[in-house]
C-alpha atoms as a PDB file:
ATOM      1  CA  UNK A   1       0.000   0.000   0.000  1.00  0.00           C
ATOM      2  CA  UNK A   2       2.842   2.379   0.866  1.00  0.00           C
ATOM      3  CA  UNK A   3       4.511   1.477  -2.396  1.00  0.00           C
ATOM      4  CA  UNK A   4       1.419   2.422  -4.357  1.00  0.00           C
ATOM      5  CA  UNK A   5       1.071   5.745  -2.525  1.00  0.00           C
ATOM      6  CA  UNK A   6       4.731   6.556  -3.160  1.00  0.00           C
ATOM      7  CA  UNK A   7       4.357   5.712  -6.828  1.00  0.00           C
ATOM      8  CA  UNK A   8       1.264   7.898  -7.200  1.00  0.00           C
ATOM      9  CA  UNK A   9       2.913  10.817  -5.395  1.00  0.00           C
ATOM     10  CA  UNK A  10       5.968  10.501  -7.609  1.00  0.00           C
ATOM     11  CA  UNK A  11       3.816  10.702 -10.735  1.00  0.00           C
ATOM     12  CA  UNK A  12       1.996  13.793  -9.423  1.00  0.00           C
ATOM     13  CA  UNK A  13       5.267  15.549  -8.638  1.00  0.00           C
ATOM     14  CA  UNK A  14       6.801  14.641 -11.993  1.00  0.00           C
ATOM     15  CA  UNK A  15       3.694  15.886 -13.841  1.00  0.00           C
ATOM     16  CA  UNK A  16       3.736  19.152 -11.904  1.00  0.00           C
ATOM     17  CA  UNK A  17       7.383  19.710 -12.693  1.00  0.00           C
ATOM     18  CA  UNK A  18       6.931  18.947 -16.371  1.00  0.00           C
ATOM     19  CA  UNK A  19       4.069  21.490 -16.525  1.00  0.00           C
ATOM     20  CA  UNK A  20       6.273  24.161 -14.973  1.00  0.00           C
ATOM     21  CA  UNK A  21       9.143  23.258 -17.280  1.00  0.00           C
ATOM     22  CA  UNK A  22       6.899  23.409 -20.359  1.00  0.00           C
ATOM     23  CA  UNK A  23       5.652  26.838 -19.260  1.00  0.00           C
ATOM     24  CA  UNK A  24       9.264  27.961 -18.909  1.00  0.00           C
ATOM     25  CA  UNK A  25      10.050  26.912 -22.475  1.00  0.00           C
ATOM     26  CA  UNK A  26       6.952  28.472 -24.056  1.00  0.00           C
ATOM     27  CA  UNK A  27       7.534  31.706 -22.174  1.00  0.00           C
ATOM     28  CA  UNK A  28      10.739  32.296 -24.134  1.00  0.00           C
ATOM     29  CA  UNK A  29       8.734  33.107 -27.276  1.00  0.00           C
ATOM     30  CA  UNK A  30       9.378  36.761 -28.034  1.00  0.00           C
ATOM     31  CA  UNK A  31       6.707  38.906 -29.645  1.00  0.00           C
ATOM     32  CA  UNK A  32       7.735  42.236 -31.049  1.00  0.00           C
ATOM     33  CA  UNK A  33       6.134  44.726 -33.379  1.00  0.00           C
ATOM     34  CA  UNK A  34       7.612  45.936 -36.606  1.00  0.00           C
ATOM     35  CA  UNK A  35       9.711  48.989 -35.785  1.00  0.00           C
ATOM     36  CA  UNK A  36      10.268  49.901 -39.408  1.00  0.00           C
ATOM     37  CA  UNK A  37       9.415  53.489 -40.168  1.00  0.00           C
ATOM     38  CA  UNK A  38       6.682  53.287 -42.762  1.00  0.00           C
ATOM     39  CA  UNK A  39       5.452  56.153 -44.897  1.00  0.00           C
ATOM     40  CA  UNK A  40       2.192  56.315 -46.746  1.00  0.00           C
ATOM     41  CA  UNK A  41       2.615  56.274 -50.514  1.00  0.00           C
ATOM     42  CA  UNK A  42       0.618  58.823 -52.447  1.00  0.00           C
ATOM     43  CA  UNK A  43      -1.165  57.186 -55.327  1.00  0.00           C
ATOM     44  CA  UNK A  44      -0.508  58.968 -58.584  1.00  0.00           C
ATOM     45  CA  UNK A  45      -3.505  59.805 -60.738  1.00  0.00           C
ATOM     46  CA  UNK A  46      -3.197  59.311 -64.467  1.00  0.00           C
ATOM     47  CA  UNK A  47      -2.953  62.350 -66.670  1.00  0.00           C
ATOM     48  CA  UNK A  48      -3.505  62.394 -70.403  1.00  0.00           C
ATOM     49  CA  UNK A  49      -1.804  65.029 -72.492  1.00  0.00           C
ATOM     50  CA  UNK A  50      -1.798  65.551 -76.212  1.00  0.00           C
ATOM     51  CA  UNK A  51       0.527  67.178 -78.709  1.00  0.00           C
ATOM     52  CA  UNK A  52       3.118  69.692 -77.616  1.00  0.00           C
ATOM     53  CA  UNK A  53       2.841  73.409 -78.199  1.00  0.00           C
ATOM     54  CA  UNK A  54       6.223  75.064 -78.696  1.00  0.00           C
ATOM     55  CA  UNK A  55       4.810  78.563 -78.360  1.00  0.00           C
ATOM     56  CA  UNK A  56       3.609  77.742 -74.851  1.00  0.00           C
ATOM     57  CA  UNK A  57       6.936  76.300 -73.757  1.00  0.00           C
ATOM     58  CA  UNK A  58       5.788  72.671 -73.769  1.00  0.00           C
ATOM     59  CA  UNK A  59       8.294  70.092 -72.676  1.00  0.00           C
ATOM     60  CA  UNK A  60       6.584  66.727 -73.115  1.00  0.00           C
ATOM     61  CA  UNK A  61       8.728  63.602 -73.192  1.00  0.00           C
ATOM     62  CA  UNK A  62       7.932  59.946 -73.592  1.00  0.00           C
ATOM     63  CA  UNK A  63       6.399  58.447 -70.456  1.00  0.00           C
ATOM     64  CA  UNK A  64       7.814  55.031 -69.470  1.00  0.00           C
ATOM     65  CA  UNK A  65       5.175  52.340 -69.284  1.00  0.00           C
ATOM     66  CA  UNK A  66       5.669  51.062 -65.732  1.00  0.00           C
ATOM     67  CA  UNK A  67       2.314  49.341 -65.400  1.00  0.00           C
ATOM     68  CA  UNK A  68       1.401  51.455 -62.383  1.00  0.00           C
ATOM     69  CA  UNK A  69      -1.193  53.609 -64.037  1.00  0.00           C
ATOM     70  CA  UNK A  70      -4.092  54.606 -61.860  1.00  0.00           C
ATOM     71  CA  UNK A  71      -6.952  55.348 -64.167  1.00  0.00           C
ATOM     72  CA  UNK A  72      -8.561  58.717 -63.605  1.00  0.00           C
ATOM     73  CA  UNK A  73     -11.388  59.504 -65.997  1.00  0.00           C
ATOM     74  CA  UNK A  74     -11.839  62.917 -67.503  1.00  0.00           C
ATOM     75  CA  UNK A  75     -14.371  63.929 -70.056  1.00  0.00           C
ATOM     76  CA  UNK A  76     -14.490  67.258 -71.832  1.00  0.00           C
ATOM     77  CA  UNK A  77     -18.065  68.350 -72.213  1.00  0.00           C
ATOM     78  CA  UNK A  78     -20.025  69.629 -75.138  1.00  0.00           C
ATOM     79  CA  UNK A  79     -22.653  72.329 -75.542  1.00  0.00           C
ATOM     80  CA  UNK A  80     -23.475  73.403 -72.008  1.00  0.00           C
ATOM     81  CA  UNK A  81     -22.706  70.051 -70.407  1.00  0.00           C
ATOM     82  CA  UNK A  82     -20.145  69.746 -67.648  1.00  0.00           C
ATOM     83  CA  UNK A  83     -17.159  67.451 -67.754  1.00  0.00           C
ATOM     84  CA  UNK A  84     -18.116  63.860 -67.050  1.00  0.00           C
ATOM     85  CA  UNK A  85     -16.412  60.496 -67.176  1.00  0.00           C
ATOM     86  CA  UNK A  86     -18.716  57.795 -68.519  1.00  0.00           C
ATOM     87  CA  UNK A  87     -16.104  55.063 -68.687  1.00  0.00           C
ATOM     88  CA  UNK A  88     -15.112  54.954 -65.064  1.00  0.00           C
ATOM     89  CA  UNK A  89     -18.286  56.249 -63.479  1.00  0.00           C
ATOM     90  CA  UNK A  90     -19.548  59.793 -63.275  1.00  0.00           C
ATOM     91  CA  UNK A  91     -16.972  62.352 -62.189  1.00  0.00           C
ATOM     92  CA  UNK A  92     -18.245  65.897 -62.565  1.00  0.00           C
ATOM     93  CA  UNK A  93     -15.753  68.683 -63.123  1.00  0.00           C
ATOM     94  CA  UNK A  94     -16.983  72.248 -62.737  1.00  0.00           C
ATOM     95  CA  UNK A  95     -17.360  74.510 -65.723  1.00  0.00           C
ATOM     96  CA  UNK A  96     -15.718  77.890 -65.181  1.00  0.00           C
ATOM     97  CA  UNK A  97     -15.631  81.214 -66.967  1.00  0.00           C
ATOM     98  CA  UNK A  98     -13.109  81.444 -69.786  1.00  0.00           C
ATOM     99  CA  UNK A  99     -11.698  84.680 -68.377  1.00  0.00           C
ATOM    100  CA  UNK A 100      -8.184  83.556 -67.477  1.00  0.00           C
ATOM    101  CA  UNK A 101      -5.347  84.545 -69.762  1.00  0.00           C
ATOM    102  CA  UNK A 102      -4.459  81.005 -70.771  1.00  0.00           C
ATOM    103  CA  UNK A 103      -8.090  80.360 -71.750  1.00  0.00           C
ATOM    104  CA  UNK A 104      -8.454  83.496 -73.833  1.00  0.00           C
ATOM    105  CA  UNK A 105      -5.038  83.077 -75.458  1.00  0.00           C
ATOM    106  CA  UNK A 106      -6.048  79.620 -76.688  1.00  0.00           C
ATOM    107  CA  UNK A 107      -9.470  80.730 -77.950  1.00  0.00           C
ATOM    108  CA  UNK A 108     -11.355  78.440 -75.587  1.00  0.00           C
ATOM    109  CA  UNK A 109     -15.145  78.461 -76.071  1.00  0.00           C
ATOM    110  CA  UNK A 110     -15.871  76.388 -72.985  1.00  0.00           C
ATOM    111  CA  UNK A 111     -13.641  75.981 -69.929  1.00  0.00           C
ATOM    112  CA  UNK A 112     -13.292  73.513 -67.052  1.00  0.00           C
ATOM    113  CA  UNK A 113     -11.139  73.078 -63.961  1.00  0.00           C
ATOM    114  CA  UNK A 114      -9.850  69.541 -63.468  1.00  0.00           C
ATOM    115  CA  UNK A 115      -8.208  70.479 -60.169  1.00  0.00           C
ATOM    116  CA  UNK A 116      -4.734  69.926 -58.731  1.00  0.00           C
ATOM    117  CA  UNK A 117      -2.234  67.261 -59.716  1.00  0.00           C
ATOM    118  CA  UNK A 118       1.080  66.142 -58.228  1.00  0.00           C
ATOM    119  CA  UNK A 119       4.354  65.084 -59.787  1.00  0.00           C
ATOM    120  CA  UNK A 120       4.203  61.637 -61.405  1.00  0.00           C
ATOM    121  CA  UNK A 121       0.432  61.713 -61.268  1.00  0.00           C
ATOM    122  CA  UNK A 122      -0.956  60.136 -64.412  1.00  0.00           C
ATOM    123  CA  UNK A 123      -4.291  60.811 -66.056  1.00  0.00           C
ATOM    124  CA  UNK A 124      -5.837  58.346 -68.481  1.00  0.00           C
ATOM    125  CA  UNK A 125      -9.139  57.326 -70.053  1.00  0.00           C
ATOM    126  CA  UNK A 126      -9.927  60.829 -71.294  1.00  0.00           C
ATOM    127  CA  UNK A 127     -13.094  61.193 -73.328  1.00  0.00           C
ATOM    128  CA  UNK A 128     -14.762  64.096 -75.064  1.00  0.00           C
ATOM    129  CA  UNK A 129     -18.540  63.982 -75.409  1.00  0.00           C
ATOM    130  CA  UNK A 130     -20.533  66.242 -77.675  1.00  0.00           C
ATOM    131  CA  UNK A 131     -24.222  67.201 -77.576  1.00  0.00           C
ATOM    132  CA  UNK A 132     -26.142  68.676 -80.484  1.00  0.00           C
ATOM    133  CA  UNK A 133     -28.360  71.357 -78.893  1.00  0.00           C
ATOM    134  CA  UNK A 134     -30.008  72.297 -82.194  1.00  0.00           C
ATOM    135  CA  UNK A 135     -33.456  71.391 -83.469  1.00  0.00           C
ATOM    136  CA  UNK A 136     -31.809  70.044 -86.646  1.00  0.00           C
ATOM    137  CA  UNK A 137     -28.926  67.720 -87.452  1.00  0.00           C
ATOM    138  CA  UNK A 138     -25.266  68.590 -87.261  1.00  0.00           C
ATOM    139  CA  UNK A 139     -22.814  67.306 -89.868  1.00  0.00           C
ATOM    140  CA  UNK A 140     -19.285  66.363 -88.775  1.00  0.00           C
ATOM    141  CA  UNK A 141     -16.632  65.583 -91.396  1.00  0.00           C
ATOM    142  CA  UNK A 142     -13.723  63.330 -90.480  1.00  0.00           C
ATOM    143  CA  UNK A 143     -11.075  65.216 -92.459  1.00  0.00           C
ATOM    144  CA  UNK A 144     -11.875  68.469 -90.628  1.00  0.00           C
ATOM    145  CA  UNK A 145     -11.125  67.076 -87.173  1.00  0.00           C
ATOM    146  CA  UNK A 146      -7.882  67.310 -85.236  1.00  0.00           C
ATOM    147  CA  UNK A 147      -6.831  65.438 -82.147  1.00  0.00           C
ATOM    148  CA  UNK A 148      -6.716  67.101 -78.695  1.00  0.00           C
ATOM    149  CA  UNK A 149      -3.698  69.167 -77.762  1.00  0.00           C
ATOM    150  CA  UNK A 150      -1.911  69.448 -74.440  1.00  0.00           C
ATOM    151  CA  UNK A 151      -0.380  72.802 -73.537  1.00  0.00           C
ATOM    152  CA  UNK A 152       2.262  73.231 -70.855  1.00  0.00           C
ATOM    153  CA  UNK A 153       1.299  76.319 -68.851  1.00  0.00           C
ATOM    154  CA  UNK A 154       4.210  75.991 -66.424  1.00  0.00           C
ATOM    155  CA  UNK A 155       6.867  76.959 -68.982  1.00  0.00           C
ATOM    156  CA  UNK A 156      10.495  75.845 -68.848  1.00  0.00           C
ATOM    157  CA  UNK A 157      10.634  74.534 -65.275  1.00  0.00           C
ATOM    158  CA  UNK A 158       7.520  72.397 -65.656  1.00  0.00           C
ATOM    159  CA  UNK A 159       8.071  69.030 -67.340  1.00  0.00           C
ATOM    160  CA  UNK A 160       5.366  66.692 -68.625  1.00  0.00           C
ATOM    161  CA  UNK A 161       5.649  63.117 -69.877  1.00  0.00           C
ATOM    162  CA  UNK A 162       3.453  61.485 -72.491  1.00  0.00           C
ATOM    163  CA  UNK A 163       2.886  57.889 -73.537  1.00  0.00           C
ATOM    164  CA  UNK A 164       2.602  57.892 -76.498  1.00  0.00           C
ATOM    165  CA  UNK A 165       3.980  61.267 -77.503  1.00  0.00           C
ATOM    166  CA  UNK A 166       2.095  61.609 -80.810  1.00  0.00           C
ATOM    167  CA  UNK A 167      -1.421  62.974 -80.393  1.00  0.00           C
ATOM    168  CA  UNK A 168      -2.844  60.875 -83.246  1.00  0.00           C
ATOM    169  CA  UNK A 169      -1.619  57.752 -81.459  1.00  0.00           C
ATOM    170  CA  UNK A 170      -2.760  58.985 -78.061  1.00  0.00           C
ATOM    171  CA  UNK A 171      -6.369  59.676 -79.084  1.00  0.00           C
ATOM    172  CA  UNK A 172      -8.904  58.023 -81.345  1.00  0.00           C
ATOM    173  CA  UNK A 173     -12.515  58.512 -82.345  1.00  0.00           C
ATOM    174  CA  UNK A 174     -14.872  56.880 -79.865  1.00  0.00           C
ATOM    175  CA  UNK A 175     -16.960  53.821 -80.697  1.00  0.00           C
ATOM    176  CA  UNK A 176     -20.046  56.044 -80.892  1.00  0.00           C
ATOM    177  CA  UNK A 177     -18.723  57.590 -84.111  1.00  0.00           C
ATOM    178  CA  UNK A 178     -19.492  55.534 -87.237  1.00  0.00           C
ATOM    179  CA  UNK A 179     -18.147  57.335 -90.306  1.00  0.00           C
ATOM    180  CA  UNK A 180     -20.084  56.944 -93.561  1.00  0.00           C
ATOM    181  CA  UNK A 181     -19.569  58.248 -97.071  1.00  0.00           C
ATOM    182  CA  UNK A 182     -21.095  61.690 -97.514  1.00  0.00           C
ATOM    183  CA  UNK A 183     -24.499  61.852 -99.191  1.00  0.00           C
ATOM    184  CA  UNK A 184     -23.283  64.882-101.163  1.00  0.00           C
ATOM    185  CA  UNK A 185     -20.869  62.730-103.206  1.00  0.00           C
ATOM    186  CA  UNK A 186     -17.976  64.887-102.023  1.00  0.00           C
ATOM    187  CA  UNK A 187     -15.820  61.867-101.283  1.00  0.00           C
ATOM    188  CA  UNK A 188     -15.676  62.818 -97.624  1.00  0.00           C
ATOM    189  CA  UNK A 189     -16.650  60.716 -94.642  1.00  0.00           C
ATOM    190  CA  UNK A 190     -19.247  62.206 -92.359  1.00  0.00           C
ATOM    191  CA  UNK A 191     -21.162  61.628 -89.152  1.00  0.00           C
ATOM    192  CA  UNK A 192     -24.695  62.957 -88.688  1.00  0.00           C
ATOM    193  CA  UNK A 193     -25.635  63.865 -85.131  1.00  0.00           C
ATOM    194  CA  UNK A 194     -29.351  64.091 -84.499  1.00  0.00           C
ATOM    195  CA  UNK A 195     -30.989  66.890 -82.550  1.00  0.00           C
ATOM    196  CA  UNK A 196     -30.455  66.787 -78.758  1.00  0.00           C
ATOM    197  CA  UNK A 197     -28.307  63.667 -78.986  1.00  0.00           C
ATOM    198  CA  UNK A 198     -25.063  63.141 -77.097  1.00  0.00           C
ATOM    199  CA  UNK A 199     -22.145  60.988 -78.246  1.00  0.00           C
ATOM    200  CA  UNK A 200     -18.667  60.214 -77.021  1.00  0.00           C
ATOM    201  CA  UNK A 201     -16.635  61.830 -79.759  1.00  0.00           C
ATOM    202  CA  UNK A 202     -12.955  61.355 -78.826  1.00  0.00           C
ATOM    203  CA  UNK A 203     -11.187  59.141 -76.313  1.00  0.00           C
ATOM    204  CA  UNK A 204      -7.650  58.308 -75.301  1.00  0.00           C
ATOM    205  CA  UNK A 205      -6.384  54.945 -76.444  1.00  0.00           C
ATOM    206  CA  UNK A 206      -5.883  52.015 -74.088  1.00  0.00           C
ATOM    207  CA  UNK A 207      -2.752  52.534 -72.002  1.00  0.00           C
ATOM    208  CA  UNK A 208      -2.251  56.136 -73.097  1.00  0.00           C
ATOM    209  CA  UNK A 209      -1.447  58.525 -70.269  1.00  0.00           C
ATOM    210  CA  UNK A 210       0.330  61.725 -69.342  1.00  0.00           C
ATOM    211  CA  UNK A 211       2.184  62.565 -66.160  1.00  0.00           C
ATOM    212  CA  UNK A 212       3.635  65.646 -64.545  1.00  0.00           C
ATOM    213  CA  UNK A 213       7.345  65.035 -64.055  1.00  0.00           C
ATOM    214  CA  UNK A 214       8.277  68.172 -62.141  1.00  0.00           C
ATOM    215  CA  UNK A 215       7.319  71.800 -61.603  1.00  0.00           C
ATOM    216  CA  UNK A 216       8.455  74.793 -59.582  1.00  0.00           C
ATOM    217  CA  UNK A 217       5.000  76.348 -59.495  1.00  0.00           C
ATOM    218  CA  UNK A 218       3.150  77.129 -56.287  1.00  0.00           C
ATOM    219  CA  UNK A 219      -0.054  75.424 -55.254  1.00  0.00           C
ATOM    220  CA  UNK A 220      -2.991  76.298 -57.516  1.00  0.00           C
ATOM    221  CA  UNK A 221      -0.764  77.810 -60.194  1.00  0.00           C
ATOM    222  CA  UNK A 222      -1.898  76.657 -63.643  1.00  0.00           C
ATOM    223  CA  UNK A 223       0.580  74.138 -65.057  1.00  0.00           C
ATOM    224  CA  UNK A 224      -1.219  72.428 -67.941  1.00  0.00           C
ATOM    225  CA  UNK A 225      -4.282  72.415 -70.160  1.00  0.00           C
ATOM    226  CA  UNK A 226      -5.931  70.067 -72.645  1.00  0.00           C
ATOM    227  CA  UNK A 227      -7.702  71.490 -75.690  1.00  0.00           C
ATOM    228  CA  UNK A 228     -10.489  69.357 -77.170  1.00  0.00           C
ATOM    229  CA  UNK A 229     -11.586  70.583 -80.604  1.00  0.00           C
ATOM    230  CA  UNK A 230     -14.532  69.664 -82.765  1.00  0.00           C
ATOM    231  CA  UNK A 231     -15.328  71.030 -86.236  1.00  0.00           C
ATOM    232  CA  UNK A 232     -18.989  70.841 -87.230  1.00  0.00           C
ATOM    233  CA  UNK A 233     -21.640  72.166 -89.598  1.00  0.00           C
ATOM    234  CA  UNK A 234     -25.095  73.201 -88.453  1.00  0.00           C
ATOM    235  CA  UNK A 235     -28.051  72.627 -90.760  1.00  0.00           C
ATOM    236  CA  UNK A 236     -31.302  74.456 -91.276  1.00  0.00           C
ATOM    237  CA  UNK A 237     -34.808  73.088 -91.832  1.00  0.00           C
ATOM    238  CA  UNK A 238     -34.008  72.436 -95.502  1.00  0.00           C
ATOM    239  CA  UNK A 239     -30.859  70.453 -94.558  1.00  0.00           C
ATOM    240  CA  UNK A 240     -28.577  73.183 -95.907  1.00  0.00           C
ATOM    241  CA  UNK A 241     -25.202  73.126 -94.208  1.00  0.00           C
ATOM    242  CA  UNK A 242     -23.527  76.112 -92.615  1.00  0.00           C
ATOM    243  CA  UNK A 243     -19.860  76.938 -92.919  1.00  0.00           C
ATOM    244  CA  UNK A 244     -17.573  74.932 -90.654  1.00  0.00           C
ATOM    245  CA  UNK A 245     -17.718  75.994 -87.020  1.00  0.00           C
ATOM    246  CA  UNK A 246     -14.946  75.293 -84.524  1.00  0.00           C
ATOM    247  CA  UNK A 247     -15.718  74.571 -80.877  1.00  0.00           C
ATOM    248  CA  UNK A 248     -12.836  74.344 -78.371  1.00  0.00           C
ATOM    249  CA  UNK A 249     -13.161  72.963 -74.864  1.00  0.00           C
ATOM    250  CA  UNK A 250     -10.282  73.552 -72.449  1.00  0.00           C
ATOM    251  CA  UNK A 251      -9.535  71.673 -69.230  1.00  0.00           C
ATOM    252  CA  UNK A 252      -6.995  73.252 -66.861  1.00  0.00           C
ATOM    253  CA  UNK A 253      -4.653  71.522 -64.406  1.00  0.00           C
ATOM    254  CA  UNK A 254      -3.090  73.178 -61.355  1.00  0.00           C
ATOM    255  CA  UNK A 255      -0.073  72.503 -59.161  1.00  0.00           C
ATOM    256  CA  UNK A 256      -0.497  70.656 -55.890  1.00  0.00           C
ATOM    257  CA  UNK A 257       2.037  70.339 -53.082  1.00  0.00           C
ATOM    258  CA  UNK A 258       0.896  67.533 -50.752  1.00  0.00           C
ATOM    259  CA  UNK A 259       1.649  67.871 -47.040  1.00  0.00           C
ATOM    260  CA  UNK A 260       4.509  65.503 -46.148  1.00  0.00           C
ATOM    261  CA  UNK A 261       3.463  62.555 -44.029  1.00  0.00           C
ATOM    262  CA  UNK A 262       5.695  62.066 -40.973  1.00  0.00           C
ATOM    263  CA  UNK A 263       6.092  58.390 -40.100  1.00  0.00           C
ATOM    264  CA  UNK A 264       5.285  57.484 -36.500  1.00  0.00           C
ATOM    265  CA  UNK A 265       7.790  54.928 -35.129  1.00  0.00           C
ATOM    266  CA  UNK A 266       6.282  52.025 -33.260  1.00  0.00           C
ATOM    267  CA  UNK A 267       7.737  50.887 -29.934  1.00  0.00           C
ATOM    268  CA  UNK A 268       8.525  47.167 -29.902  1.00  0.00           C
ATOM    269  CA  UNK A 269       6.769  45.055 -27.306  1.00  0.00           C
ATOM    270  CA  UNK A 270       9.322  43.767 -24.799  1.00  0.00           C
ATOM    271  CA  UNK A 271       9.819  40.029 -24.609  1.00  0.00           C
ATOM    272  CA  UNK A 272       8.303  38.313 -21.601  1.00  0.00           C
ATOM    273  CA  UNK A 273       9.560  35.095 -20.111  1.00  0.00           C
ATOM    274  CA  UNK A 274       8.844  33.051 -17.028  1.00  0.00           C
ATOM    275  CA  UNK A 275      11.987  32.262 -15.102  1.00  0.00           C
ATOM    276  CA  UNK A 276      12.364  29.002 -13.228  1.00  0.00           C
ATOM    277  CA  UNK A 277      12.073  29.703  -9.486  1.00  0.00           C
ATOM    278  CA  UNK A 278      13.150  27.756  -6.377  1.00  0.00           C
ATOM    279  CA  UNK A 279       9.800  25.974  -6.220  1.00  0.00           C
ATOM    280  CA  UNK A 280      10.458  24.280  -9.539  1.00  0.00           C
ATOM    281  CA  UNK A 281      13.815  22.999  -8.384  1.00  0.00           C
ATOM    282  CA  UNK A 282      12.251  21.719  -5.125  1.00  0.00           C
ATOM    283  CA  UNK A 283       9.560  19.826  -7.000  1.00  0.00           C
ATOM    284  CA  UNK A 284      12.162  18.235  -9.253  1.00  0.00           C
ATOM    285  CA  UNK A 285      14.327  17.112  -6.352  1.00  0.00           C
ATOM    286  CA  UNK A 286      11.297  15.795  -4.441  1.00  0.00           C
ATOM    287  CA  UNK A 287      10.135  13.795  -7.446  1.00  0.00           C
ATOM    288  CA  UNK A 288      13.587  12.319  -7.975  1.00  0.00           C
ATOM    289  CA  UNK A 289      13.893  11.442  -4.255  1.00  0.00           C
ATOM    290  CA  UNK A 290      10.519   9.733  -4.077  1.00  0.00           C
ATOM    291  CA  UNK A 291      11.282   7.832  -7.246  1.00  0.00           C
ATOM    292  CA  UNK A 292      14.553   6.659  -5.727  1.00  0.00           C
ATOM    293  CA  UNK A 293      12.782   5.593  -2.489  1.00  0.00           C
ATOM    294  CA  UNK A 294      10.109   3.731  -4.446  1.00  0.00           C
ATOM    295  CA  UNK A 295      12.665   1.828  -6.550  1.00  0.00           C
ATOM    296  CA  UNK A 296      14.680   0.934  -3.433  1.00  0.00           C
ATOM    297  CA  UNK A 297      11.578  -0.245  -1.579  1.00  0.00           C
ATOM    298  CA  UNK A 298      10.590  -2.448  -4.528  1.00  0.00           C
ATOM    299  CA  UNK A 299      13.975  -4.110  -4.499  1.00  0.00           C
ATOM    300  CA  UNK A 300      13.707  -4.922  -0.805  1.00  0.00           C
ATOM    301  CA  UNK A 301      10.261  -6.342  -1.268  1.00  0.00           C
END
C-alpha cells in the first residue's frame, strides 16, 4: 500500500514539474512589433496630355510604361454640359468662366477646372462627349477634325511626360462615331448627329497617359491644359449646311504640393519570459527522491 502511494505521489510531482518546465520553455517566445518606419505612398492619378505646343513652352517627353497607371477619368463636355467620365463612373468637373489669360489666349469656347495634380500623377481614359443642342442635325466631317492638344502652362521649369507622344496615337474617335460616305458625293466621310443627342466623340487609347514630371509652381498655379476641338456644320430646316464651325473645350490643371506625411515609429513590445524559481527545483528534487525511495523499496520487497 505504501509502495502504491509513493508511486502515485511521484507521478503527481513529476507531472507538476513537467508542466512548470513546459511553461518555462513556451515563455521564451518573443513577440515584437515591426519597428520599421513606414510612410504612406501617395497614389498617382493618371494624366492624359496631347501634342506639344512650342509657343507655350511645352516640354513633353515619352512616359515610361511602368504598369502602375491609376486610371482617372476625364471627359471634356459639349454644348453646355459639364465634364463627365462615362467610362469609369460619373466624375463631374466644374465649368468655369473662360476669363483667365491662358483660356483666352487659346481661344477656348468652354472651360473647365480639373483640379490639382502632383508630380508623377498620371491621367488616363480621357473622353470628349458632344451634344447637339439644335433642333436640326449637325454634320461632322472626319477630315476636318484634329486630335486634342496638351499645352504646358508651367513653362520651362515644368516638365510633362506622355505615352505615347504623338497625339494621333494617343487619341482616337470613340466607338459612338461611325463614319459613312457623304451623301453629297464629295468623297468625304461624315457623321450625322441628331438633334439633342449626345455621343462620345474622342477618347484616349488604351494605355495612353500623361504625367507631370516636375514643376516649380506654387499650389494652384496653372501648369497644364488640354484642348479638345470639334469642327462641325449646323443645318437648317431644308438640310442646308452652314460653314464649318470650330468649338474648343479647355480643361486646366493646377499645381499641388501635398503635405509631407511624418512616419510614427512604433515601440517594440518587450519580450516576456517566465523564469524558473526555487519551487520548480524543489519539485524536481522531491520527485527524484521519491522515485529513488520507491525503486529501493521495490527491491527490498
